[in-house]
Every structure is written in structure tokens, then in C-alpha cells.
């Protein structure tokens, strides 16, 4: 098991019309001191963002800036659809 010290900075919960559960997200700060990968985002579910997509979209949610990461998470949540929703088993 890889124990990495971290702390949850922010959490989000969004109700998506057509889903019977909320989609959740969180921003985690890695406290190991790695300046290249300080903030990590996690999503409880993923989806296809449009009907013709081959697979659900799994964004890269690792950034040096909390603002940059927060923008990515909010953008993903605002575009969340009910198409091929997949649960993140590690959330």
C-alpha cells in the first residue's frame, strides 16, 4: 500500500437531471512536497460528454494551481451528461 499524505481542500456535489444520485468531486492537496503535482482532483463518476464519443471522458486532474484544477473540475461538472455514466470505484 502506498501511503501518501494528503488533505481534502474542497468538495463538490452536483445533482444532474436524469441521474438518481449526485456526482461528487474533490480537490486534494498532496503534502509530500512535489511542487510539480501539488493538487489532485477526483470525480465520483465519469461520462461521455457527447453521444458520438467512443468512451467516457477521464480528464487529467493534476495541477500545480488550485485555481486551474478547480476550473477543470467545474467545467467537467457543468458538462456532465447521462450518457454512459461510469462510477469511479476509487472515489
Protein backbone atom coordinates (compact mmCIF):
# COMPACT_ATOMS: atom_id res chain seq x y z
CA UNK A 1 0.00 0.00 0.00
CA UNK A 2 1.30 3.43 -0.95
CA UNK A 3 0.53 5.86 1.87
CA UNK A 4 0.73 9.40 0.59
CA UNK A 5 -0.01 12.25 2.99
CA UNK A 6 -2.73 14.49 1.59
CA UNK A 7 -5.65 16.63 2.64
CA UNK A 8 -9.03 17.40 1.07
CA UNK A 9 -9.21 21.11 0.23
CA UNK A 10 -12.65 21.39 -1.42
CA UNK A 11 -15.58 19.12 -2.16
CA UNK A 12 -18.41 19.48 -4.66
CA UNK A 13 -21.78 17.78 -5.05
CA UNK A 14 -23.87 18.28 -8.19
CA UNK A 15 -27.31 16.94 -8.98
CA UNK A 16 -27.54 16.04 -12.66
CA UNK A 17 -31.01 15.88 -14.18
CA UNK A 18 -31.71 12.28 -15.16
CA UNK A 19 -29.43 10.69 -12.55
CA UNK A 20 -30.75 9.37 -9.23
CA UNK A 21 -27.51 10.14 -7.37
CA UNK A 22 -25.27 13.20 -7.05
CA UNK A 23 -21.96 13.49 -8.87
CA UNK A 24 -19.21 14.39 -6.44
CA UNK A 25 -15.76 15.85 -6.85
CA UNK A 26 -12.96 16.90 -4.56
CA UNK A 27 -9.65 18.69 -4.65
CA UNK A 28 -6.84 17.10 -2.69
CA UNK A 29 -3.54 18.74 -1.80
CA UNK A 30 -0.56 16.42 -1.84
CA UNK A 31 1.63 17.28 1.12
CA UNK A 32 4.69 15.28 0.03
CA UNK A 33 6.38 18.40 -1.29
CA UNK A 34 6.29 17.52 -5.01
CA UNK A 35 5.95 21.01 -6.50
CA UNK A 36 5.04 19.67 -9.96
CA UNK A 37 1.94 17.79 -8.80
CA UNK A 38 0.55 19.62 -5.79
CA UNK A 39 -3.22 19.39 -6.41
CA UNK A 40 -5.20 16.33 -7.46
CA UNK A 41 -8.85 16.26 -8.49
CA UNK A 42 -11.10 13.24 -8.10
CA UNK A 43 -14.55 12.63 -9.55
CA UNK A 44 -17.09 10.10 -8.30
CA UNK A 45 -18.37 9.41 -11.83
CA UNK A 46 -17.37 9.91 -15.44
CA UNK A 47 -19.50 10.21 -18.57
CA UNK A 48 -19.38 10.63 -22.31
CA UNK A 49 -19.65 14.33 -22.94
CA UNK A 50 -21.45 13.80 -26.25
CA UNK A 51 -23.30 10.92 -27.91
CA UNK A 52 -20.68 10.21 -30.59
CA UNK A 53 -17.79 9.87 -28.11
CA UNK A 54 -16.15 6.45 -28.13
CA UNK A 55 -15.73 6.27 -24.35
CA UNK A 56 -16.42 8.30 -21.22
CA UNK A 57 -14.05 11.22 -20.76
CA UNK A 58 -11.46 10.75 -18.00
CA UNK A 59 -9.77 14.14 -17.60
CA UNK A 60 -6.27 14.55 -16.20
CA UNK A 61 -6.87 16.33 -12.92
CA UNK A 62 -3.37 17.06 -11.61
CA UNK A 63 -2.20 20.66 -11.45
CA UNK A 64 0.20 22.98 -9.67
CA UNK A 65 -2.53 25.60 -9.16
CA UNK A 66 -5.73 25.07 -7.20
CA UNK A 67 -7.48 27.65 -9.40
CA UNK A 68 -6.55 25.80 -12.58
CA UNK A 69 -7.72 22.49 -11.16
CA UNK A 70 -10.94 23.97 -9.84
CA UNK A 71 -11.73 25.37 -13.29
CA UNK A 72 -11.25 21.92 -14.86
CA UNK A 73 -13.49 20.24 -12.29
CA UNK A 74 -16.25 22.82 -12.57
CA UNK A 75 -16.10 22.67 -16.37
CA UNK A 76 -16.45 18.87 -16.29
CA UNK A 77 -19.34 19.00 -13.81
CA UNK A 78 -21.18 21.66 -15.84
CA UNK A 79 -20.93 19.49 -18.96
CA UNK A 80 -21.85 16.23 -17.19
CA UNK A 81 -24.35 14.14 -19.15
CA UNK A 82 -26.29 10.94 -18.51
CA UNK A 83 -24.55 9.16 -21.42
CA UNK A 84 -22.61 6.04 -20.38
CA UNK A 85 -22.02 7.14 -16.79
CA UNK A 86 -19.26 5.15 -15.09
CA UNK A 87 -18.64 5.11 -11.33
CA UNK A 88 -15.11 5.79 -10.10
CA UNK A 89 -14.56 2.78 -7.82
CA UNK A 90 -11.62 4.53 -6.13
CA UNK A 91 -13.51 7.68 -5.13
